[in-house]
Amino acid sequence: MTIMSDEPISSDPSDKSPPKAAFWLGYAGLIPFAACALAILVFRQDLLLQETAGKALLAYGAVILSFLGGAHWGRALYAPNTRLQTRDFVLSVLPSIFGWSCLLLPIISAAVLLLILGYIWQVYVDLNAMRQNILPNWFGRLRVQLTAGATLFLLIGGAALL
């Protein structure tokens, strides 16, 4: 039984709506970004709590960035053993390495702001995969929306920590 073929995932232009679970879980995933950014703003007078909220924002952002590479890993698992499979495996682990390296930076605000570059790069990779019909059309649209939300909260939190 073949789970995934080499055929494009979706060439149907009407494939614009994500499954309800992907939509709701994706948007629910923005809640910790918003909560951490809000906490950074609220706790401006308490540096310990503000730093804790900043670390939480950074950690959650790194974890989610790492998670985003999973779509490419899943695709690579079922691809024929070719250069494209190797490319997808590489693209799938780069977000994890980048997010982890941001966690190692000593200045939280700089690390959070740098993490935004990882999100921008990842959405570029995902949109490119969508254009090549490697990932479904709805995925690219949803990723743009969720990346906009995540980067907005990262920017708010990172800027407030400066």
N, C-alpha and C. Protein backbone atom coordinates (compact mmCIF):
# COMPACT_ATOMS: atom_id res chain seq x y z
N MET A 1 0.84 -1.18 0.00
CA MET A 1 0.00 0.00 0.00
C MET A 1 0.88 1.25 0.00
N THR A 2 0.69 2.11 -0.96
CA THR A 2 1.45 3.34 -1.06
C THR A 2 0.71 4.44 -0.32
N ILE A 3 1.39 5.02 0.64
CA ILE A 3 0.78 6.11 1.40
C ILE A 3 0.90 7.42 0.64
N MET A 4 2.02 7.63 0.02
CA MET A 4 2.24 8.88 -0.69
C MET A 4 2.94 8.56 -2.00
N SER A 5 2.47 9.14 -3.06
CA SER A 5 3.09 8.89 -4.36
C SER A 5 3.93 10.09 -4.75
N ASP A 6 4.54 9.96 -5.94
CA ASP A 6 5.33 11.07 -6.45
C ASP A 6 4.45 12.10 -7.14
N GLU A 7 3.16 11.85 -7.20
CA GLU A 7 2.24 12.79 -7.82
C GLU A 7 2.16 14.05 -6.96
N PRO A 8 1.90 15.19 -7.59
CA PRO A 8 1.72 16.41 -6.78
C PRO A 8 0.62 16.22 -5.76
N ILE A 9 0.77 16.85 -4.62
CA ILE A 9 -0.22 16.74 -3.57
C ILE A 9 -1.53 17.39 -3.99
N SER A 10 -1.45 18.53 -4.60
CA SER A 10 -2.66 19.22 -5.00
C SER A 10 -2.38 20.09 -6.20
N SER A 11 -3.08 19.83 -7.26
CA SER A 11 -2.98 20.72 -8.41
C SER A 11 -4.32 21.40 -8.63
N ASP A 12 -5.25 21.17 -7.72
CA ASP A 12 -6.58 21.75 -7.81
C ASP A 12 -6.56 23.16 -7.24
N PRO A 13 -6.77 24.19 -8.09
CA PRO A 13 -6.72 25.56 -7.59
C PRO A 13 -7.81 25.87 -6.58
N SER A 14 -8.84 25.04 -6.52
CA SER A 14 -9.91 25.29 -5.55
C SER A 14 -9.53 24.80 -4.15
N ASP A 15 -8.38 24.16 -4.03
CA ASP A 15 -7.92 23.65 -2.74
C ASP A 15 -7.38 24.81 -1.91
N LYS A 16 -8.29 25.68 -1.44
CA LYS A 16 -7.88 26.89 -0.74
C LYS A 16 -8.13 26.83 0.76
N SER A 17 -9.02 25.98 1.19
CA SER A 17 -9.39 25.94 2.60
C SER A 17 -8.67 24.81 3.32
N PRO A 18 -8.02 25.14 4.42
CA PRO A 18 -7.35 24.08 5.19
C PRO A 18 -8.39 23.22 5.91
N PRO A 19 -8.02 22.01 6.27
CA PRO A 19 -8.90 21.22 7.13
C PRO A 19 -9.17 22.01 8.42
N LYS A 20 -10.35 21.84 8.97
CA LYS A 20 -10.73 22.60 10.17
C LYS A 20 -9.73 22.40 11.31
N ALA A 21 -9.27 21.18 11.49
CA ALA A 21 -8.32 20.92 12.58
C ALA A 21 -7.03 21.70 12.37
N ALA A 22 -6.52 21.74 11.15
CA ALA A 22 -5.29 22.49 10.87
C ALA A 22 -5.51 23.98 11.12
N PHE A 23 -6.66 24.49 10.71
CA PHE A 23 -6.97 25.90 10.90
C PHE A 23 -7.01 26.25 12.40
N TRP A 24 -7.82 25.51 13.15
CA TRP A 24 -8.01 25.84 14.57
C TRP A 24 -6.76 25.59 15.40
N LEU A 25 -6.09 24.48 15.14
CA LEU A 25 -4.87 24.21 15.88
C LEU A 25 -3.76 25.20 15.52
N GLY A 26 -3.70 25.58 14.25
CA GLY A 26 -2.72 26.58 13.82
C GLY A 26 -2.93 27.91 14.53
N TYR A 27 -4.17 28.38 14.54
CA TYR A 27 -4.44 29.66 15.20
C TYR A 27 -4.33 29.55 16.71
N ALA A 28 -4.69 28.41 17.28
CA ALA A 28 -4.52 28.23 18.73
C ALA A 28 -3.04 28.28 19.09
N GLY A 29 -2.19 27.87 18.16
CA GLY A 29 -0.75 27.91 18.38
C GLY A 29 -0.21 29.33 18.51
N LEU A 30 -0.99 30.32 18.11
CA LEU A 30 -0.56 31.72 18.27
C LEU A 30 -0.80 32.23 19.70
N ILE A 31 -1.64 31.54 20.45
CA ILE A 31 -1.98 32.01 21.81
C ILE A 31 -0.74 32.15 22.69
N PRO A 32 0.16 31.17 22.76
CA PRO A 32 1.36 31.37 23.59
C PRO A 32 2.24 32.53 23.12
N PHE A 33 2.32 32.76 21.80
CA PHE A 33 3.07 33.92 21.31
C PHE A 33 2.46 35.20 21.88
N ALA A 34 1.14 35.32 21.76
CA ALA A 34 0.44 36.52 22.23
C ALA A 34 0.57 36.66 23.74
N ALA A 35 0.40 35.57 24.47
CA ALA A 35 0.47 35.62 25.94
C ALA A 35 1.86 36.06 26.41
N CYS A 36 2.88 35.53 25.80
CA CYS A 36 4.25 35.90 26.19
C CYS A 36 4.56 37.35 25.86
N ALA A 37 4.16 37.79 24.65
CA ALA A 37 4.40 39.19 24.27
C ALA A 37 3.65 40.13 25.22
N LEU A 38 2.41 39.78 25.55
CA LEU A 38 1.62 40.59 26.48
C LEU A 38 2.28 40.62 27.86
N ALA A 39 2.75 39.46 28.31
CA ALA A 39 3.41 39.39 29.63
C ALA A 39 4.66 40.27 29.66
N ILE A 40 5.41 40.29 28.56
CA ILE A 40 6.60 41.14 28.50
C ILE A 40 6.20 42.60 28.66
N LEU A 41 5.11 42.99 28.04
CA LEU A 41 4.64 44.38 28.15
C LEU A 41 4.08 44.69 29.54
N VAL A 42 3.33 43.76 30.09
CA VAL A 42 2.69 43.97 31.39
C VAL A 42 3.72 44.03 32.53
N PHE A 43 4.74 43.18 32.42
CA PHE A 43 5.73 43.09 33.51
C PHE A 43 6.94 43.98 33.29
N ARG A 44 6.74 45.12 32.67
CA ARG A 44 7.88 46.04 32.41
C ARG A 44 8.55 46.51 33.69
N GLN A 45 7.81 46.56 34.79
CA GLN A 45 8.37 47.04 36.05
C GLN A 45 9.04 45.93 36.85
N ASP A 46 8.80 44.68 36.48
CA ASP A 46 9.39 43.55 37.18
C ASP A 46 10.32 42.82 36.21
N LEU A 47 11.60 43.14 36.27
CA LEU A 47 12.55 42.63 35.29
C LEU A 47 12.68 41.11 35.30
N LEU A 48 12.52 40.49 36.47
CA LEU A 48 12.61 39.03 36.54
C LEU A 48 11.44 38.39 35.79
N LEU A 49 10.23 38.88 36.03
CA LEU A 49 9.07 38.34 35.33
C LEU A 49 9.13 38.65 33.84
N GLN A 50 9.60 39.83 33.51
CA GLN A 50 9.72 40.19 32.10
C GLN A 50 10.74 39.29 31.40
N GLU A 51 11.86 39.04 32.05
CA GLU A 51 12.87 38.16 31.47
C GLU A 51 12.34 36.73 31.32
N THR A 52 11.58 36.28 32.31
CA THR A 52 10.98 34.95 32.24
C THR A 52 10.02 34.86 31.06
N ALA A 53 9.21 35.89 30.87
CA ALA A 53 8.28 35.91 29.73
C ALA A 53 9.06 35.95 28.41
N GLY A 54 10.17 36.68 28.39
CA GLY A 54 11.02 36.73 27.20
C GLY A 54 11.62 35.38 26.88
N LYS A 55 12.10 34.68 27.91
CA LYS A 55 12.65 33.33 27.71
C LYS A 55 11.56 32.38 27.22
N ALA A 56 10.36 32.52 27.76
CA ALA A 56 9.25 31.67 27.33
C ALA A 56 8.89 31.93 25.87
N LEU A 57 8.88 33.20 25.48
CA LEU A 57 8.61 33.56 24.09
C LEU A 57 9.68 32.98 23.17
N LEU A 58 10.92 33.13 23.55
CA LEU A 58 12.03 32.61 22.75
C LEU A 58 11.94 31.09 22.64
N ALA A 59 11.71 30.41 23.75
CA ALA A 59 11.65 28.95 23.74
C ALA A 59 10.48 28.45 22.89
N TYR A 60 9.32 29.05 23.07
CA TYR A 60 8.15 28.62 22.28
C TYR A 60 8.39 28.89 20.80
N GLY A 61 8.94 30.04 20.49
CA GLY A 61 9.23 30.38 19.10
C GLY A 61 10.20 29.39 18.47
N ALA A 62 11.23 28.97 19.23
CA ALA A 62 12.21 28.01 18.71
C ALA A 62 11.57 26.64 18.52
N VAL A 63 10.73 26.24 19.46
CA VAL A 63 10.05 24.94 19.35
C VAL A 63 9.13 24.91 18.13
N ILE A 64 8.36 25.96 17.94
CA ILE A 64 7.44 26.01 16.80
C ILE A 64 8.20 26.09 15.49
N LEU A 65 9.27 26.84 15.43
CA LEU A 65 10.08 26.88 14.21
C LEU A 65 10.60 25.49 13.88
N SER A 66 11.04 24.77 14.89
CA SER A 66 11.51 23.40 14.69
C SER A 66 10.39 22.52 14.16
N PHE A 67 9.21 22.68 14.71
CA PHE A 67 8.04 21.91 14.28
C PHE A 67 7.72 22.14 12.80
N LEU A 68 7.93 23.35 12.33
CA LEU A 68 7.56 23.69 10.94
C LEU A 68 8.36 22.91 9.91
N GLY A 69 9.55 22.49 10.26
CA GLY A 69 10.34 21.67 9.34
C GLY A 69 9.75 20.28 9.12
N GLY A 70 8.87 19.86 10.01
CA GLY A 70 8.30 18.52 9.95
C GLY A 70 7.56 18.21 8.66
N ALA A 71 6.94 19.21 8.06
CA ALA A 71 6.21 18.97 6.80
C ALA A 71 7.18 18.48 5.72
N HIS A 72 8.37 19.04 5.71
CA HIS A 72 9.35 18.66 4.70
C HIS A 72 9.97 17.29 5.01
N TRP A 73 10.13 16.98 6.29
CA TRP A 73 10.61 15.66 6.68
C TRP A 73 9.59 14.61 6.25
N GLY A 74 8.31 14.86 6.53
CA GLY A 74 7.26 13.92 6.15
C GLY A 74 7.22 13.67 4.65
N ARG A 75 7.36 14.71 3.89
CA ARG A 75 7.40 14.58 2.43
C ARG A 75 8.61 13.76 2.01
N ALA A 76 9.76 14.02 2.61
CA ALA A 76 10.99 13.33 2.22
C ALA A 76 10.92 11.82 2.53
N LEU A 77 10.19 11.46 3.57
CA LEU A 77 10.08 10.04 3.92
C LEU A 77 9.53 9.20 2.77
N TYR A 78 8.65 9.80 1.99
CA TYR A 78 7.98 9.05 0.93
C TYR A 78 8.48 9.39 -0.47
N ALA A 79 9.46 10.25 -0.55
CA ALA A 79 10.01 10.62 -1.84
C ALA A 79 10.98 9.54 -2.30
N PRO A 80 11.13 9.41 -3.61
CA PRO A 80 12.15 8.46 -4.08
C PRO A 80 13.53 8.94 -3.60
N ASN A 81 14.44 8.03 -3.43
CA ASN A 81 15.77 8.36 -2.92
C ASN A 81 16.55 9.13 -3.99
N THR A 82 16.37 10.42 -3.98
CA THR A 82 16.98 11.28 -4.99
C THR A 82 17.55 12.52 -4.32
N ARG A 83 18.09 13.41 -5.15
CA ARG A 83 18.57 14.70 -4.63
C ARG A 83 17.43 15.48 -3.97
N LEU A 84 16.20 15.36 -4.51
CA LEU A 84 15.07 16.09 -3.93
C LEU A 84 14.76 15.57 -2.53
N GLN A 85 14.90 14.28 -2.33
CA GLN A 85 14.67 13.73 -1.00
C GLN A 85 15.71 14.28 -0.03
N THR A 86 16.96 14.30 -0.46
CA THR A 86 18.03 14.84 0.38
C THR A 86 17.76 16.31 0.69
N ARG A 87 17.34 17.07 -0.33
CA ARG A 87 17.02 18.49 -0.12
C ARG A 87 15.93 18.65 0.92
N ASP A 88 14.87 17.83 0.82
CA ASP A 88 13.77 17.94 1.78
C ASP A 88 14.22 17.58 3.19
N PHE A 89 15.06 16.56 3.33
CA PHE A 89 15.58 16.22 4.66
C PHE A 89 16.40 17.39 5.23
N VAL A 90 17.25 17.99 4.41
CA VAL A 90 18.06 19.12 4.86
C VAL A 90 17.15 20.29 5.24
N LEU A 91 16.18 20.62 4.38
CA LEU A 91 15.28 21.73 4.68
C LEU A 91 14.48 21.47 5.96
N SER A 92 14.24 20.22 6.27
CA SER A 92 13.43 19.90 7.44
C SER A 92 14.19 20.07 8.75
N VAL A 93 15.50 19.94 8.73
CA VAL A 93 16.26 20.06 9.99
C VAL A 93 16.85 21.45 10.22
N LEU A 94 16.96 22.25 9.17
CA LEU A 94 17.53 23.59 9.35
C LEU A 94 16.75 24.45 10.35
N PRO A 95 15.39 24.42 10.34
CA PRO A 95 14.68 25.23 11.34
C PRO A 95 15.02 24.82 12.77
N SER A 96 15.20 23.53 13.01
CA SER A 96 15.55 23.07 14.37
C SER A 96 16.91 23.60 14.78
N ILE A 97 17.88 23.50 13.89
CA ILE A 97 19.23 23.97 14.20
C ILE A 97 19.24 25.48 14.42
N PHE A 98 18.51 26.20 13.58
CA PHE A 98 18.47 27.66 13.71
C PHE A 98 17.78 28.06 15.02
N GLY A 99 16.62 27.45 15.30
CA GLY A 99 15.90 27.77 16.54
C GLY A 99 16.73 27.45 17.77
N TRP A 100 17.40 26.32 17.76
CA TRP A 100 18.24 25.92 18.87
C TRP A 100 19.39 26.92 19.06
N SER A 101 19.99 27.35 17.95
CA SER A 101 21.10 28.30 18.07
C SER A 101 20.63 29.64 18.64
N CYS A 102 19.39 30.02 18.33
CA CYS A 102 18.84 31.25 18.93
C CYS A 102 18.72 31.12 20.44
N LEU A 103 18.41 29.92 20.91
CA LEU A 103 18.30 29.69 22.36
C LEU A 103 19.64 29.88 23.07
N LEU A 104 20.72 29.75 22.35
CA LEU A 104 22.05 29.85 22.95
C LEU A 104 22.55 31.29 23.06
N LEU A 105 21.89 32.20 22.40
CA LEU A 105 22.35 33.60 22.42
C LEU A 105 22.10 34.21 23.80
N PRO A 106 23.06 35.00 24.29
CA PRO A 106 22.93 35.54 25.65
C PRO A 106 21.93 36.69 25.79
N ILE A 107 21.61 37.36 24.71
CA ILE A 107 20.70 38.51 24.79
C ILE A 107 19.35 38.07 24.24
N ILE A 108 18.36 37.96 25.11
CA ILE A 108 17.05 37.42 24.74
C ILE A 108 16.41 38.24 23.62
N SER A 109 16.45 39.56 23.73
CA SER A 109 15.80 40.40 22.72
C SER A 109 16.41 40.15 21.34
N ALA A 110 17.72 40.04 21.27
CA ALA A 110 18.38 39.79 19.98
C ALA A 110 18.01 38.41 19.44
N ALA A 111 17.95 37.43 20.33
CA ALA A 111 17.60 36.07 19.91
C ALA A 111 16.17 36.01 19.39
N VAL A 112 15.25 36.69 20.07
CA VAL A 112 13.84 36.72 19.63
C VAL A 112 13.73 37.39 18.27
N LEU A 113 14.42 38.50 18.11
CA LEU A 113 14.36 39.21 16.83
C LEU A 113 15.03 38.40 15.72
N LEU A 114 16.10 37.69 16.03
CA LEU A 114 16.75 36.83 15.05
C LEU A 114 15.84 35.66 14.65
N LEU A 115 15.08 35.18 15.60
CA LEU A 115 14.14 34.09 15.33
C LEU A 115 13.14 34.48 14.22
N ILE A 116 12.82 35.75 14.16
CA ILE A 116 11.91 36.23 13.10
C ILE A 116 12.48 35.90 11.73
N LEU A 117 13.79 36.02 11.57
CA LEU A 117 14.41 35.68 10.28
C LEU A 117 14.20 34.21 9.94
N GLY A 118 14.24 33.36 10.95
CA GLY A 118 13.96 31.94 10.74
C GLY A 118 12.55 31.70 10.24
N TYR A 119 11.60 32.43 10.80
CA TYR A 119 10.20 32.29 10.37
C TYR A 119 10.01 32.80 8.94
N ILE A 120 10.65 33.90 8.62
CA ILE A 120 10.54 34.45 7.26
C ILE A 120 11.15 33.47 6.25
N TRP A 121 12.30 32.92 6.59
CA TRP A 121 12.93 31.95 5.70
C TRP A 121 12.04 30.72 5.54
N GLN A 122 11.48 30.23 6.65
CA GLN A 122 10.66 29.02 6.60
C GLN A 122 9.40 29.23 5.77
N VAL A 123 8.77 30.37 5.87
CA VAL A 123 7.57 30.60 5.06
C VAL A 123 7.96 30.69 3.58
N TYR A 124 9.13 31.23 3.29
CA TYR A 124 9.62 31.24 1.91
C TYR A 124 9.78 29.81 1.39
N VAL A 125 10.38 28.94 2.18
CA VAL A 125 10.57 27.54 1.80
C VAL A 125 9.21 26.86 1.59
N ASP A 126 8.27 27.12 2.50
CA ASP A 126 6.95 26.50 2.39
C ASP A 126 6.19 27.00 1.17
N LEU A 127 6.26 28.29 0.89
CA LEU A 127 5.58 28.83 -0.30
C LEU A 127 6.19 28.28 -1.58
N ASN A 128 7.49 28.11 -1.58
CA ASN A 128 8.16 27.52 -2.74
C ASN A 128 7.68 26.08 -2.93
N ALA A 129 7.56 25.34 -1.86
CA ALA A 129 7.05 23.96 -1.94
C ALA A 129 5.60 23.93 -2.42
N MET A 130 4.82 24.91 -1.99
CA MET A 130 3.43 24.98 -2.45
C MET A 130 3.39 25.26 -3.95
N ARG A 131 4.21 26.19 -4.41
CA ARG A 131 4.24 26.51 -5.84
C ARG A 131 4.65 25.31 -6.69
N GLN A 132 5.46 24.44 -6.12
CA GLN A 132 5.90 23.23 -6.83
C GLN A 132 4.93 22.07 -6.63
N ASN A 133 3.81 22.31 -5.97
CA ASN A 133 2.81 21.28 -5.65
C ASN A 133 3.37 20.18 -4.76
N ILE A 134 4.38 20.51 -3.97
CA ILE A 134 4.91 19.55 -3.00
C ILE A 134 4.06 19.57 -1.74
N LEU A 135 3.57 20.75 -1.40
CA LEU A 135 2.65 20.92 -0.28
C LEU A 135 1.36 21.52 -0.82
N PRO A 136 0.22 21.22 -0.20
CA PRO A 136 -1.06 21.71 -0.73
C PRO A 136 -1.19 23.23 -0.66
N ASN A 137 -2.01 23.77 -1.55
CA ASN A 137 -2.22 25.22 -1.63
C ASN A 137 -2.67 25.82 -0.31
N TRP A 138 -3.58 25.15 0.37
CA TRP A 138 -4.09 25.71 1.63
C TRP A 138 -2.97 25.86 2.66
N PHE A 139 -1.98 24.96 2.61
CA PHE A 139 -0.90 25.00 3.58
C PHE A 139 -0.09 26.29 3.46
N GLY A 140 0.21 26.68 2.24
CA GLY A 140 0.97 27.91 2.03
C GLY A 140 0.23 29.14 2.51
N ARG A 141 -1.05 29.20 2.20
CA ARG A 141 -1.85 30.35 2.65
C ARG A 141 -1.94 30.41 4.17
N LEU A 142 -2.19 29.26 4.77
CA LEU A 142 -2.28 29.22 6.23
C LEU A 142 -0.93 29.58 6.86
N ARG A 143 0.16 29.09 6.28
CA ARG A 143 1.49 29.40 6.81
C ARG A 143 1.79 30.89 6.76
N VAL A 144 1.37 31.57 5.70
CA VAL A 144 1.60 33.02 5.62
C VAL A 144 0.85 33.71 6.75
N GLN A 145 -0.40 33.35 6.97
CA GLN A 145 -1.20 33.97 8.01
C GLN A 145 -0.60 33.71 9.40
N LEU A 146 -0.25 32.46 9.66
CA LEU A 146 0.28 32.12 10.97
C LEU A 146 1.68 32.72 11.19
N THR A 147 2.48 32.78 10.13
CA THR A 147 3.79 33.41 10.25
C THR A 147 3.65 34.89 10.53
N ALA A 148 2.69 35.53 9.89
CA ALA A 148 2.46 36.96 10.16
C ALA A 148 2.12 37.16 11.63
N GLY A 149 1.25 36.33 12.17
CA GLY A 149 0.89 36.44 13.59
C GLY A 149 2.07 36.17 14.50
N ALA A 150 2.79 35.09 14.25
CA ALA A 150 3.93 34.73 15.10
C ALA A 150 5.00 35.80 15.06
N THR A 151 5.34 36.28 13.87
CA THR A 151 6.39 37.29 13.77
C THR A 151 5.96 38.62 14.39
N LEU A 152 4.68 38.94 14.30
CA LEU A 152 4.20 40.16 14.95
C LEU A 152 4.41 40.08 16.46
N PHE A 153 4.02 38.95 17.07
CA PHE A 153 4.18 38.81 18.51
C PHE A 153 5.65 38.71 18.91
N LEU A 154 6.47 38.06 18.07
CA LEU A 154 7.91 38.02 18.34
C LEU A 154 8.50 39.42 18.28
N LEU A 155 8.06 40.20 17.30
CA LEU A 155 8.56 41.57 17.16
C LEU A 155 8.15 42.43 18.35
N ILE A 156 6.90 42.32 18.75
CA ILE A 156 6.42 43.09 19.91
C ILE A 156 7.22 42.70 21.16
N GLY A 157 7.34 41.39 21.39
CA GLY A 157 8.07 40.93 22.58
C GLY A 157 9.54 41.29 22.53
N GLY A 158 10.17 41.05 21.39
CA GLY A 158 11.59 41.36 21.25
C GLY A 158 11.88 42.83 21.39
N ALA A 159 11.05 43.67 20.79
CA ALA A 159 11.25 45.12 20.88
C ALA A 159 11.04 45.61 22.31
N ALA A 160 10.06 45.04 23.01
CA ALA A 160 9.80 45.46 24.39
C ALA A 160 10.93 45.06 25.33
N LEU A 161 11.69 44.05 24.95
CA LEU A 161 12.82 43.62 25.79
C LEU A 161 14.07 44.47 25.60
N LEU A 162 14.09 45.25 24.52
CA LEU A 162 15.28 46.08 24.26
C LEU A 162 15.48 47.14 25.32
